Amino acid sequence: MPAGAGRHGSVEIRLRQASPAPALRRLSRTSLRTRLVLITVALVAIGLTVGYAIVIGALAGYQTDRIDDRIRPTAELMSRAPAIPQNQRSRPPSPQDLTPVFDMLGFSYLAYVLPDGGTAQVVHHPSAEGRAGPRLPRLDAAAVAARGGRPFDVPDEPGSSRWRVIVLRIESPALPLADGRDLRGSSVVVAASRAETDATIARLRTISLVTGSAILVVLTAVGWSAVRAGMRPLSRIEATAAAIAGGDLTHRIPDLGAPRTEVGRLSVSLNSMLAQIERGFAARAESEARMRRFVADVSHELRTPLFGIKGFTDLYRMGAMPGPDDIDHTMGRIEREATRLANLTENLLLLARLDEHSEGDEALPLELSPMDLRTLAADAQHDLRALDPSRPIELTGPGGGTPGGAPVLGDEERLRQVVSNLVGNAVTHTPAGGGVRIGVGTLDDRAILEIEDHGPGLPPEQAERVFDRFYRADGSRSRGNGGGAGLGLALARSLVAAHGGRIELDTAPGAGARFRISIPITADDGEGDGDTDP
């Protein structure tokens, strides 16, 4: 084969192999509704075709068996009876005389054939009735033996119809014919027309084709309507998804079915997912807002001491501090602002490390060891007396009663920082001489340390935000009232959470405030030597 022909042949083969792909791609680009209807119609068409083939085949086999049941007994009878000797009759029987007999027996052709395939005697031929006869093949002795007595089909003379033929070897002694030919070794041929049977089958095929086509058309219309109605919930879901994609996160899928149905379960699952997405977007928006506030607050808190330091250095450079006292005073101010700046930076770094630990990104920034919260309670009592000797201070158990041991596994330095923040908060927000209660002990397998004051308290909206970073209840950024940067309570909550505990606030306007620290106790019996002297 030439090289060019080989290439063309290979290209043709590839095209034939790839030809189904475009049809599949076109089908995949159609809608699900169309694909479902097409698949349903195709399955129905396949079922009708298979049923049609089975029915037609069964009917054709049944009709063939009926013809065989008519021609076989006649052929067997004639193969055992001698042929009609024409020289022993006044005249041979005519086909018209034998037609009623043949009609009763159910065949239309009867003849004898010689062993060499020639026709010995035609007893009846359909031409006597004005119809075409069978076009028989050569039926010599070998052909008859090969047939084995099995019926077979042959066309008629014009080739427009078929005949059912059976040929059997004559078994009885046969008389010679008038012309002297001997019928020994001859065969008898019996045939019946299949015209009526074929017409019945053809009519049934036509009826089946018309009926099947009508059924397909009706089922296509009904299936399209049913699939369209069944897909309507998905269209509602699609509309809901489009609305959500347009920004309406509050949109939800209505109840489109019973909870146990596929559509019902899908609606519930999608609504749950949408609720989570909405909460996620809300949380992200809130987080972004908090971050913006945090950046703004940090910028302000860092800018205030920095501007103070820069202002004092500018005054010194301009010569506005002629005397040593002025310089000492200015350096003291710079030192205080630098200390304040260092404390703020340290607190921010500690909060960042605690946040990373809570997210699992960094090890716990604490040095844990066994300790007793009674030590911190006693130190808090001494600190309060030192800050305001006129302030009545009471040391009790949690909620009142006798103070008790509170053994925990904690970082004493960090927990002392938490208690110091709470003590400072009580001193700052209560009038001079206002009483403070310090409670320490255990409650429900947890170590408790609480500080309660009798100040003005906080309304609910402020109490909810009191642990937020840079939040101050008065909203003032002035330091004239002794306020801090708003990190103390936020840092206290993070440090307590790092110990596996929690800090709670119980307050109301005019009812004071109670901060309670709750940390899991250790296996120690809590009877260590804590300083609890009043």
Protein backbone atom coordinates (compact mmCIF):
# COMPACT_ATOMS: atom_id res chain seq x y z
CA MET A 1 0.00 0.00 0.00
CA PRO A 2 1.37 3.51 -0.80
CA ALA A 3 2.37 5.70 2.06
CA GLY A 4 -0.26 8.27 1.20
CA ALA A 5 -2.98 5.67 1.20
CA GLY A 6 -1.84 4.44 4.61
CA ARG A 7 -2.02 7.90 6.05
CA HIS A 8 -5.48 8.49 4.61
CA GLY A 9 -6.64 5.16 5.96
CA SER A 10 -5.32 5.93 9.44
CA VAL A 11 -7.00 9.34 9.43
CA GLU A 12 -10.28 7.76 8.42
CA ILE A 13 -10.03 5.26 11.25
CA ARG A 14 -9.33 7.98 13.79
CA LEU A 15 -12.30 10.00 12.59
CA ARG A 16 -14.58 7.01 12.92
CA GLN A 17 -13.35 6.31 16.42
CA ALA A 18 -13.78 9.92 17.52
CA SER A 19 -17.17 10.41 15.90
CA PRO A 20 -19.23 9.57 19.06
CA ALA A 21 -17.36 12.20 21.09
CA PRO A 22 -19.04 15.30 19.58
CA ALA A 23 -22.46 13.73 20.09
CA LEU A 24 -21.63 13.04 23.74
CA ARG A 25 -20.31 16.57 24.16
CA ARG A 26 -23.46 18.02 22.62
CA LEU A 27 -25.58 15.87 24.92
CA SER A 28 -23.57 16.95 27.97
CA ARG A 29 -24.20 20.61 27.07
CA THR A 30 -27.96 20.13 27.09
CA SER A 31 -30.06 20.73 30.17
CA LEU A 32 -30.64 18.03 32.75
CA ARG A 33 -34.36 18.13 31.94
CA THR A 34 -33.68 17.38 28.27
CA ARG A 35 -31.22 14.61 29.09
CA LEU A 36 -33.69 12.93 31.45
CA VAL A 37 -36.45 13.02 28.84
CA LEU A 38 -34.13 11.73 26.10
CA ILE A 39 -32.89 8.91 28.30
CA THR A 40 -36.45 7.98 29.28
CA VAL A 41 -37.67 8.03 25.68
CA ALA A 42 -34.65 6.00 24.58
CA LEU A 43 -35.32 3.38 27.24
CA VAL A 44 -39.00 3.20 26.29
CA ALA A 45 -38.07 2.91 22.60
CA ILE A 46 -35.63 0.10 23.38
CA GLY A 47 -38.28 -1.67 25.46
CA LEU A 48 -40.88 -1.34 22.71
CA THR A 49 -38.42 -2.55 20.07
CA VAL A 50 -37.42 -5.57 22.12
CA GLY A 51 -41.05 -6.39 22.87
CA TYR A 52 -41.97 -5.90 19.21
CA ALA A 53 -39.16 -8.20 18.09
CA ILE A 54 -40.16 -10.86 20.61
CA VAL A 55 -43.86 -10.74 19.66
CA ILE A 56 -43.20 -10.74 15.91
CA GLY A 57 -40.67 -13.54 16.25
CA ALA A 58 -43.00 -15.62 18.39
CA LEU A 59 -45.92 -15.10 16.01
CA ALA A 60 -43.83 -15.90 12.95
CA GLY A 61 -42.55 -19.06 14.62
CA TYR A 62 -46.06 -20.03 15.60
CA GLN A 63 -47.37 -19.53 12.04
CA THR A 64 -44.44 -21.48 10.63
CA ASP A 65 -45.11 -24.34 13.02
CA ARG A 66 -48.75 -24.38 11.93
CA ILE A 67 -47.76 -24.67 8.27
CA ASP A 68 -45.25 -27.38 9.13
CA ASP A 69 -47.94 -29.25 11.05
CA ARG A 70 -50.08 -29.23 7.86
CA ILE A 71 -47.52 -30.21 5.26
CA ARG A 72 -45.48 -32.72 7.25
CA PRO A 73 -48.25 -35.34 7.81
CA THR A 74 -49.26 -35.12 4.14
CA ALA A 75 -45.69 -35.56 2.99
CA GLU A 76 -45.22 -38.55 5.31
CA LEU A 77 -48.47 -40.11 4.07
CA MET A 78 -47.61 -39.63 0.41
CA SER A 79 -44.12 -40.98 0.93
CA ARG A 80 -45.65 -44.27 2.10
CA ALA A 81 -48.35 -44.50 -0.62
CA PRO A 82 -47.60 -45.48 -4.25
CA ALA A 83 -47.83 -42.92 -6.97
CA ILE A 84 -50.93 -42.83 -9.15
CA PRO A 85 -50.33 -45.05 -12.21
CA GLN A 86 -51.80 -43.08 -15.06
CA ASN A 87 -51.99 -46.12 -17.39
CA GLN A 88 -54.44 -47.82 -15.07
CA ARG A 89 -57.05 -45.04 -15.19
CA SER A 90 -59.38 -43.98 -17.95
CA ARG A 91 -58.02 -40.46 -17.48
CA PRO A 92 -55.68 -38.77 -14.94
CA PRO A 93 -57.32 -36.77 -12.20
CA SER A 94 -57.39 -33.08 -12.96
CA PRO A 95 -56.15 -30.39 -10.48
CA GLN A 96 -59.68 -29.05 -10.26
CA ASP A 97 -60.81 -32.45 -8.99
CA LEU A 98 -58.09 -32.50 -6.31
CA THR A 99 -58.35 -28.83 -5.19
CA PRO A 100 -60.97 -29.49 -2.48
CA VAL A 101 -58.79 -32.26 -1.07
CA PHE A 102 -55.68 -30.07 -1.06
CA ASP A 103 -57.56 -27.19 0.53
CA MET A 104 -58.77 -29.54 3.26
CA LEU A 105 -55.24 -30.83 3.86
CA GLY A 106 -53.78 -27.30 3.94
CA PHE A 107 -51.28 -27.30 1.07
CA SER A 108 -51.30 -26.22 -2.58
CA TYR A 109 -48.45 -28.10 -4.27
CA LEU A 110 -47.72 -31.84 -4.53
CA ALA A 111 -45.22 -33.47 -6.87
CA TYR A 112 -42.85 -36.40 -7.24
CA VAL A 113 -39.21 -35.86 -8.17
CA LEU A 114 -36.76 -38.44 -9.53
CA PRO A 115 -33.41 -39.23 -7.93
CA ASP A 116 -31.65 -37.13 -10.56
CA GLY A 117 -33.76 -34.08 -9.66
CA GLY A 118 -36.21 -34.26 -12.57
CA THR A 119 -39.92 -33.98 -12.01
CA ALA A 120 -41.67 -37.31 -12.30
CA GLN A 121 -45.28 -36.28 -11.70
CA VAL A 122 -46.99 -33.03 -10.57
CA VAL A 123 -50.17 -33.98 -8.80
CA HIS A 124 -51.26 -30.39 -8.08
CA HIS A 125 -49.83 -26.99 -9.02
CA PRO A 126 -51.15 -23.55 -7.96
CA SER A 127 -51.23 -22.45 -11.58
CA ALA A 128 -54.51 -24.31 -11.81
CA GLU A 129 -55.90 -21.67 -9.45
CA GLY A 130 -54.25 -18.77 -11.23
CA ARG A 131 -51.47 -18.31 -8.69
CA ALA A 132 -47.69 -18.61 -8.95
CA GLY A 133 -46.08 -21.75 -7.62
CA PRO A 134 -42.89 -22.28 -5.66
CA ARG A 135 -39.48 -21.89 -7.27
CA LEU A 136 -37.95 -25.16 -6.16
CA PRO A 137 -34.21 -25.76 -6.09
CA ARG A 138 -32.68 -28.88 -7.62
CA LEU A 139 -33.87 -31.76 -5.45
CA ASP A 140 -31.76 -34.73 -6.43
CA ALA A 141 -31.09 -37.62 -4.06
CA ALA A 142 -28.13 -35.85 -2.40
CA ALA A 143 -30.09 -32.65 -1.85
CA VAL A 144 -33.03 -34.56 -0.37
CA ALA A 145 -30.69 -36.40 1.99
CA ALA A 146 -29.06 -33.12 3.02
CA ARG A 147 -32.45 -31.61 3.83
CA GLY A 148 -33.10 -34.49 6.24
CA GLY A 149 -36.86 -34.03 6.13
CA ARG A 150 -36.67 -30.49 7.56
CA PRO A 151 -39.07 -27.87 6.12
CA PHE A 152 -37.52 -24.89 4.34
CA ASP A 153 -38.62 -21.66 2.65
CA VAL A 154 -38.38 -20.85 -1.08
CA PRO A 155 -39.67 -17.85 -3.08
CA ASP A 156 -42.47 -18.08 -5.57
CA GLU A 157 -41.94 -17.68 -9.28
CA PRO A 158 -42.20 -13.84 -9.32
CA GLY A 159 -40.23 -13.64 -6.07
CA SER A 160 -42.91 -11.61 -4.28
CA SER A 161 -43.99 -14.24 -1.78
CA ARG A 162 -42.67 -17.34 -0.04
CA TRP A 163 -43.53 -21.02 0.15
CA ARG A 164 -42.95 -23.53 2.87
CA VAL A 165 -41.61 -26.79 1.38
CA ILE A 166 -40.85 -30.25 2.74
CA VAL A 167 -39.38 -33.10 0.69
CA LEU A 168 -39.31 -36.75 1.86
CA ARG A 169 -37.91 -39.87 0.20
CA ILE A 170 -40.58 -42.40 -0.86
CA GLU A 171 -40.38 -45.40 1.40
CA SER A 172 -43.01 -47.80 -0.14
CA PRO A 173 -42.62 -49.74 -3.42
CA ALA A 174 -43.77 -47.50 -6.24
CA LEU A 175 -45.55 -48.40 -9.40
CA PRO A 176 -43.98 -47.38 -12.71
CA LEU A 177 -45.40 -44.43 -14.58
CA ALA A 178 -47.07 -44.68 -18.01
CA ASP A 179 -43.87 -43.76 -19.79
CA GLY A 180 -42.07 -46.62 -18.07
CA ARG A 181 -40.09 -44.56 -15.57
CA ASP A 182 -39.64 -46.18 -12.21
CA LEU A 183 -40.35 -44.15 -9.05
CA ARG A 184 -38.00 -46.19 -6.88
CA GLY A 185 -35.63 -43.77 -5.04
CA SER A 186 -37.84 -40.80 -5.85
CA SER A 187 -39.13 -38.19 -3.38
CA VAL A 188 -42.39 -36.49 -2.71
CA VAL A 189 -42.55 -32.67 -2.46
CA VAL A 190 -45.31 -30.94 -0.51
CA ALA A 191 -45.50 -27.13 -0.33
CA ALA A 192 -47.87 -24.55 1.15
CA SER A 193 -47.94 -20.83 0.47
CA ARG A 194 -46.88 -18.39 3.18
CA ALA A 195 -48.64 -15.45 1.55
CA GLU A 196 -51.39 -15.26 4.16
CA THR A 197 -48.96 -15.71 7.02
CA ASP A 198 -46.53 -13.09 5.67
CA ALA A 199 -49.42 -10.66 5.14
CA THR A 200 -50.49 -11.15 8.75
CA ILE A 201 -46.93 -10.56 10.00
CA ALA A 202 -46.54 -7.48 7.78
CA ARG A 203 -49.82 -6.04 9.05
CA LEU A 204 -48.77 -6.69 12.63
CA ARG A 205 -45.45 -4.94 11.96
CA THR A 206 -47.26 -1.91 10.59
CA ILE A 207 -49.67 -1.80 13.52
CA SER A 208 -46.79 -2.19 15.99
CA LEU A 209 -44.77 0.56 14.31
CA VAL A 210 -47.67 3.00 14.29
CA THR A 211 -48.72 2.12 17.83
CA GLY A 212 -45.13 2.31 19.13
CA SER A 213 -44.58 5.69 17.49
CA ALA A 214 -47.80 7.03 18.98
CA ILE A 215 -46.82 5.68 22.41
CA LEU A 216 -43.38 7.32 22.13
CA VAL A 217 -44.92 10.67 21.19
CA VAL A 218 -47.40 10.52 24.07
CA LEU A 219 -44.78 9.36 26.57
CA THR A 220 -42.38 12.07 25.42
CA ALA A 221 -44.99 14.75 26.05
CA VAL A 222 -46.02 13.25 29.38
CA GLY A 223 -42.40 12.67 30.39
CA TRP A 224 -41.43 16.23 29.54
CA SER A 225 -44.27 17.57 31.67
CA ALA A 226 -43.48 15.18 34.53
CA VAL A 227 -39.75 15.94 34.46
CA ARG A 228 -40.46 19.66 34.27
CA ALA A 229 -42.71 19.41 37.31
CA GLY A 230 -40.16 17.27 39.12
CA MET A 231 -37.34 19.69 38.30
CA ARG A 232 -39.30 22.71 39.51
CA PRO A 233 -37.78 22.48 43.04
CA LEU A 234 -34.31 22.57 41.48
CA SER A 235 -35.32 25.69 39.56
CA ARG A 236 -36.35 27.26 42.89
CA ILE A 237 -32.99 26.25 44.35
CA GLU A 238 -31.25 27.75 41.32
CA ALA A 239 -33.13 31.02 41.77
CA THR A 240 -32.19 31.07 45.45
CA ALA A 241 -28.54 30.44 44.62
CA ALA A 242 -28.63 33.28 42.09
CA ALA A 243 -30.10 35.62 44.69
CA ILE A 244 -27.40 34.64 47.19
CA ALA A 245 -24.72 35.09 44.53
CA GLY A 246 -26.14 38.57 44.00
CA GLY A 247 -25.39 39.42 47.64
CA ASP A 248 -28.62 38.52 49.46
CA LEU A 249 -27.18 36.18 52.09
CA THR A 250 -30.47 36.17 54.04
CA HIS A 251 -32.27 34.33 51.22
CA ARG A 252 -33.31 30.77 52.05
CA ILE A 253 -34.73 27.86 50.09
CA PRO A 254 -38.42 27.29 50.89
CA ASP A 255 -39.76 23.90 51.94
CA LEU A 256 -39.98 22.07 48.61
CA GLY A 257 -40.72 18.59 49.87
CA ALA A 258 -41.14 16.32 52.85
CA PRO A 259 -38.03 16.04 55.07
CA ARG A 260 -37.60 12.38 54.10
CA THR A 261 -37.50 13.06 50.36
CA GLU A 262 -34.34 13.83 48.41
CA VAL A 263 -35.48 17.39 47.67
CA GLY A 264 -36.47 17.93 51.29
CA ARG A 265 -33.09 16.72 52.57
CA LEU A 266 -31.32 18.83 49.95
CA SER A 267 -33.29 21.92 51.01
CA VAL A 268 -32.44 21.36 54.68
CA SER A 269 -28.76 20.79 53.90
CA LEU A 270 -28.52 23.84 51.66
CA ASN A 271 -30.29 26.05 54.20
CA SER A 272 -27.88 24.87 56.89
CA MET A 273 -24.96 25.58 54.59
CA LEU A 274 -26.35 29.02 53.74
CA ALA A 275 -26.79 29.81 57.42
CA GLN A 276 -23.16 28.87 58.06
CA ILE A 277 -22.04 30.97 55.10
CA GLU A 278 -24.04 33.93 56.38
CA ARG A 279 -22.58 33.53 59.85
CA GLY A 280 -19.12 33.22 58.33
CA PHE A 281 -19.53 36.41 56.31
CA ALA A 282 -20.95 38.20 59.34
CA ALA A 283 -18.06 36.97 61.48
CA ARG A 284 -15.58 38.06 58.83
CA ALA A 285 -17.18 41.48 58.57
CA GLU A 286 -17.16 41.80 62.34
CA SER A 287 -13.56 40.63 62.46
CA GLU A 288 -12.58 43.17 59.83
CA ALA A 289 -14.38 45.88 61.76
CA ARG A 290 -12.63 44.82 64.98
CA MET A 291 -9.31 44.79 63.16
CA ARG A 292 -9.90 48.31 61.86
CA ARG A 293 -10.80 49.49 65.35
CA PHE A 294 -7.81 47.62 66.76
CA VAL A 295 -5.43 49.23 64.29
CA ALA A 296 -6.91 52.64 64.98
CA ASP A 297 -6.67 52.15 68.76
CA VAL A 298 -3.14 50.79 68.58
CA SER A 299 -2.11 53.68 66.37
CA HIS A 300 -3.56 56.16 68.86
CA GLU A 301 -2.11 54.42 71.91
CA LEU A 302 1.33 54.25 70.32
CA ARG A 303 1.15 57.75 68.90
CA THR A 304 0.33 59.42 72.22
CA PRO A 305 3.54 58.48 74.10
CA LEU A 306 5.65 58.80 70.95
CA PHE A 307 4.40 62.32 70.31
CA GLY A 308 5.03 63.18 73.96
CA ILE A 309 8.63 61.95 73.74
CA LYS A 310 9.15 63.72 70.43
CA GLY A 311 7.70 66.95 71.83
CA PHE A 312 10.03 66.94 74.83
CA THR A 313 13.05 66.22 72.64
CA ASP A 314 12.07 69.07 70.32
CA LEU A 315 11.82 71.43 73.29
CA TYR A 316 15.25 70.37 74.48
CA ARG A 317 16.75 70.85 71.03
CA MET A 318 15.21 74.32 70.77
CA GLY A 319 16.77 75.31 74.11
CA ALA A 320 13.49 75.65 75.98
CA MET A 321 14.95 73.87 79.04
CA PRO A 322 17.68 76.16 80.38
CA GLY A 323 17.97 74.78 83.89
CA PRO A 324 18.88 71.34 85.30
CA ASP A 325 15.49 71.10 87.03
CA ASP A 326 13.72 71.54 83.71
CA ILE A 327 15.85 68.85 82.11
CA ASP A 328 15.29 66.46 85.03
CA HIS A 329 11.55 67.07 84.86
CA THR A 330 11.51 66.52 81.10
CA MET A 331 13.59 63.35 81.34
CA GLY A 332 11.20 62.03 83.96
CA ARG A 333 8.28 62.68 81.62
CA ILE A 334 10.10 60.97 78.78
CA GLU A 335 10.87 58.01 81.00
CA ARG A 336 7.25 57.65 82.04
CA GLU A 337 6.05 57.83 78.44
CA ALA A 338 8.72 55.33 77.36
CA THR A 339 7.70 52.99 80.18
CA ARG A 340 4.10 53.32 79.19
CA LEU A 341 5.04 52.64 75.56
CA ALA A 342 7.09 49.59 76.57
CA ASN A 343 4.25 48.20 78.70
CA LEU A 344 1.76 48.69 75.88
CA THR A 345 4.05 46.96 73.39
CA GLU A 346 4.71 44.09 75.79
CA ASN A 347 1.00 43.61 76.42
CA LEU A 348 0.26 43.60 72.69
CA LEU A 349 2.97 41.02 72.05
CA LEU A 350 1.69 38.85 74.90
CA LEU A 351 -1.87 39.03 73.54
CA ALA A 352 -0.60 38.08 70.09
CA ARG A 353 1.25 35.06 71.51
CA LEU A 354 -1.83 34.02 73.47
CA ASP A 355 -3.95 34.30 70.33
CA GLU A 356 -1.51 32.13 68.40
CA HIS A 357 -1.58 29.56 71.20
CA SER A 358 -5.39 29.46 71.14
CA GLU A 359 -5.22 28.74 67.38
CA GLY A 360 -2.66 25.98 67.93
CA ASP A 361 0.17 27.77 66.12
CA GLU A 362 2.50 28.30 69.06
CA ALA A 363 3.38 26.75 72.38
CA LEU A 364 1.83 28.12 75.58
CA PRO A 365 3.80 31.24 76.63
CA LEU A 366 3.53 30.35 80.33
CA GLU A 367 5.74 28.75 82.99
CA LEU A 368 3.34 26.50 84.89
CA SER A 369 3.98 25.20 88.40
CA PRO A 370 1.82 24.22 91.41
CA MET A 371 0.57 27.23 93.35
CA ASP A 372 -2.32 28.41 95.51
CA LEU A 373 -4.60 31.31 94.64
CA ARG A 374 -4.80 32.20 98.36
CA THR A 375 -1.34 33.78 98.00
CA LEU A 376 -2.63 36.08 95.25
CA ALA A 377 -5.73 36.90 97.30
CA ALA A 378 -3.63 37.87 100.33
CA ASP A 379 -1.33 40.03 98.19
CA ALA A 380 -4.35 41.70 96.61
CA GLN A 381 -5.66 42.51 100.10
CA HIS A 382 -2.34 44.14 101.06
CA ASP A 383 -2.19 46.09 97.77
CA LEU A 384 -5.69 47.49 98.28
CA ARG A 385 -4.82 48.61 101.86
CA ALA A 386 -1.68 50.25 100.55
CA LEU A 387 -3.51 52.11 97.81
CA ASP A 388 -6.40 53.28 100.03
CA PRO A 389 -6.09 52.62 103.78
CA SER A 390 -9.61 53.97 104.36
CA ARG A 391 -11.20 51.40 102.08
CA PRO A 392 -12.84 48.47 103.94
CA ILE A 393 -11.55 45.17 102.58
CA GLU A 394 -13.08 41.75 103.27
CA LEU A 395 -11.45 38.37 102.59
CA THR A 396 -13.99 35.54 102.27
CA GLY A 397 -14.65 32.34 100.42
CA PRO A 398 -16.37 32.27 97.01
CA GLY A 399 -19.61 34.19 97.46
CA GLY A 400 -18.94 34.62 101.20
CA GLY A 401 -18.04 32.44 104.13
CA THR A 402 -14.57 31.28 105.13
CA PRO A 403 -11.69 31.55 102.62
CA GLY A 404 -10.14 28.25 101.59
CA GLY A 405 -7.28 26.82 99.58
CA ALA A 406 -7.37 26.99 95.79
CA PRO A 407 -4.52 24.86 94.37
CA VAL A 408 -3.88 25.26 90.63
CA LEU A 409 -1.19 24.62 88.07
CA GLY A 410 -0.34 28.11 86.86
CA ASP A 411 2.17 30.81 86.04
CA GLU A 412 2.24 32.85 89.25
CA GLU A 413 3.69 35.95 87.60
CA ARG A 414 0.97 36.04 84.90
CA LEU A 415 -1.85 35.30 87.33
CA ARG A 416 -0.52 38.02 89.63
CA GLN A 417 -0.71 40.36 86.62
CA VAL A 418 -4.37 39.39 86.18
CA VAL A 419 -5.19 40.06 89.83
CA SER A 420 -3.32 43.38 89.74
CA ASN A 421 -5.44 44.47 86.76
CA LEU A 422 -8.63 43.58 88.62
CA VAL A 423 -7.48 45.39 91.76
CA GLY A 424 -6.58 48.46 89.73
CA ASN A 425 -9.94 48.31 87.99
CA ALA A 426 -11.74 48.20 91.38
CA VAL A 427 -9.74 51.14 92.74
CA THR A 428 -10.25 53.20 89.57
CA HIS A 429 -14.00 52.70 89.20
CA THR A 430 -15.17 52.85 92.79
CA PRO A 431 -15.37 55.97 94.96
CA ALA A 432 -12.80 56.50 97.71
CA GLY A 433 -13.67 54.49 100.78
CA GLY A 434 -15.82 52.04 98.81
CA GLY A 435 -15.67 48.50 100.11
CA VAL A 436 -14.05 45.60 98.23
CA ARG A 437 -14.49 41.90 98.85
CA ILE A 438 -11.90 39.30 97.87
CA GLY A 439 -13.12 35.70 97.74
CA VAL A 440 -10.94 32.62 97.37
CA GLY A 441 -11.58 28.87 97.62
CA THR A 442 -12.92 25.97 95.56
CA LEU A 443 -16.31 25.40 94.03
CA ASP A 444 -17.33 22.35 91.93
CA ASP A 445 -13.74 21.11 91.51
CA ARG A 446 -12.54 24.52 90.37
CA ALA A 447 -10.34 27.07 92.10
CA ILE A 448 -12.11 30.41 92.52
CA LEU A 449 -10.69 33.91 93.02
CA GLU A 450 -13.10 36.81 92.90
CA ILE A 451 -12.91 40.54 93.45
CA GLU A 452 -16.14 42.38 94.14
CA ASP A 453 -16.56 46.13 94.51
CA HIS A 454 -19.49 48.35 95.40
CA GLY A 455 -19.05 50.85 92.60
CA PRO A 456 -21.59 52.16 90.08
CA GLY A 457 -21.62 48.94 88.03
CA LEU A 458 -22.13 48.66 84.27
CA PRO A 459 -25.17 48.39 82.00
CA PRO A 460 -25.53 45.17 79.95
CA GLU A 461 -24.29 46.70 76.67
CA GLN A 462 -21.06 47.82 78.32
CA ALA A 463 -20.65 44.59 80.30
CA GLU A 464 -20.69 42.61 77.05
CA ARG A 465 -17.71 44.57 75.68
CA VAL A 466 -15.71 45.09 78.83
CA PHE A 467 -13.20 42.36 77.83
CA ASP A 468 -12.69 43.79 74.32
CA ARG A 469 -9.29 45.22 73.56
CA PHE A 470 -8.93 49.01 73.85
CA TYR A 471 -12.48 49.28 75.16
CA ARG A 472 -13.17 51.82 77.88
CA ALA A 473 -16.61 52.25 79.35
CA ASP A 474 -16.37 56.04 79.45
CA GLY A 475 -15.19 56.23 75.81
CA SER A 476 -12.58 58.81 76.76
CA ARG A 477 -8.97 58.64 75.65
CA SER A 478 -7.83 61.08 78.29
CA ARG A 479 -5.44 59.84 80.88
CA GLY A 480 -6.35 62.53 83.34
CA ASN A 481 -8.74 60.22 85.13
CA GLY A 482 -6.16 57.50 85.48
CA GLY A 483 -7.57 55.33 82.73
CA GLY A 484 -5.33 52.90 80.89
CA ALA A 485 -5.12 51.76 77.29
CA GLY A 486 -8.05 49.36 77.61
CA LEU A 487 -5.93 46.19 77.45
CA GLY A 488 -6.00 45.13 81.09
CA LEU A 489 -9.24 43.11 81.10
CA ALA A 490 -8.61 41.73 77.60
CA LEU A 491 -5.19 40.53 78.72
CA ALA A 492 -6.69 39.11 81.94
CA ARG A 493 -9.24 37.06 80.00
CA SER A 494 -6.59 35.70 77.60
CA LEU A 495 -4.22 34.76 80.44
CA VAL A 496 -6.95 32.99 82.39
CA ALA A 497 -8.06 31.15 79.22
CA ALA A 498 -4.43 30.06 78.68
CA HIS A 499 -4.65 28.36 82.10
CA GLY A 500 -7.76 26.46 80.99
CA GLY A 501 -10.03 28.72 83.03
CA ARG A 502 -12.45 31.55 82.49
CA ILE A 503 -13.16 34.98 83.92
CA GLU A 504 -16.74 36.18 84.39
CA LEU A 505 -18.31 39.51 85.20
CA ASP A 506 -21.48 39.90 87.24
CA THR A 507 -22.65 43.51 87.28
CA ALA A 508 -25.65 45.78 87.06
CA PRO A 509 -26.11 49.58 87.21
CA GLY A 510 -25.78 50.70 90.81
CA ALA A 511 -24.99 47.16 92.05
CA GLY A 512 -21.20 47.16 91.69
CA ALA A 513 -19.20 44.55 89.80
CA ARG A 514 -17.84 41.11 90.64
CA PHE A 515 -15.02 39.55 88.59
CA ARG A 516 -14.67 35.81 89.19
CA ILE A 517 -11.63 33.79 88.04
CA SER A 518 -12.29 30.04 87.72
CA ILE A 519 -9.41 27.60 87.03
CA PRO A 520 -9.40 23.77 87.27
CA ILE A 521 -7.84 22.64 90.55
CA THR A 522 -4.85 20.32 90.73
CA ALA A 523 -4.54 17.06 92.69
CA ASP A 524 -3.14 18.98 95.64
CA ASP A 525 -5.38 19.12 98.69
CA GLY A 526 -5.19 22.89 98.65
CA GLU A 527 -3.86 23.21 102.22
CA GLY A 528 -0.59 24.96 101.33
CA ASP A 529 0.78 27.83 103.35
CA GLY A 530 -0.90 30.82 101.77
CA ASP A 531 -0.79 34.17 103.51
CA THR A 532 -4.39 34.94 104.44
CA ASP A 533 -3.87 37.31 107.32
CA PRO A 534 -6.23 40.24 107.24
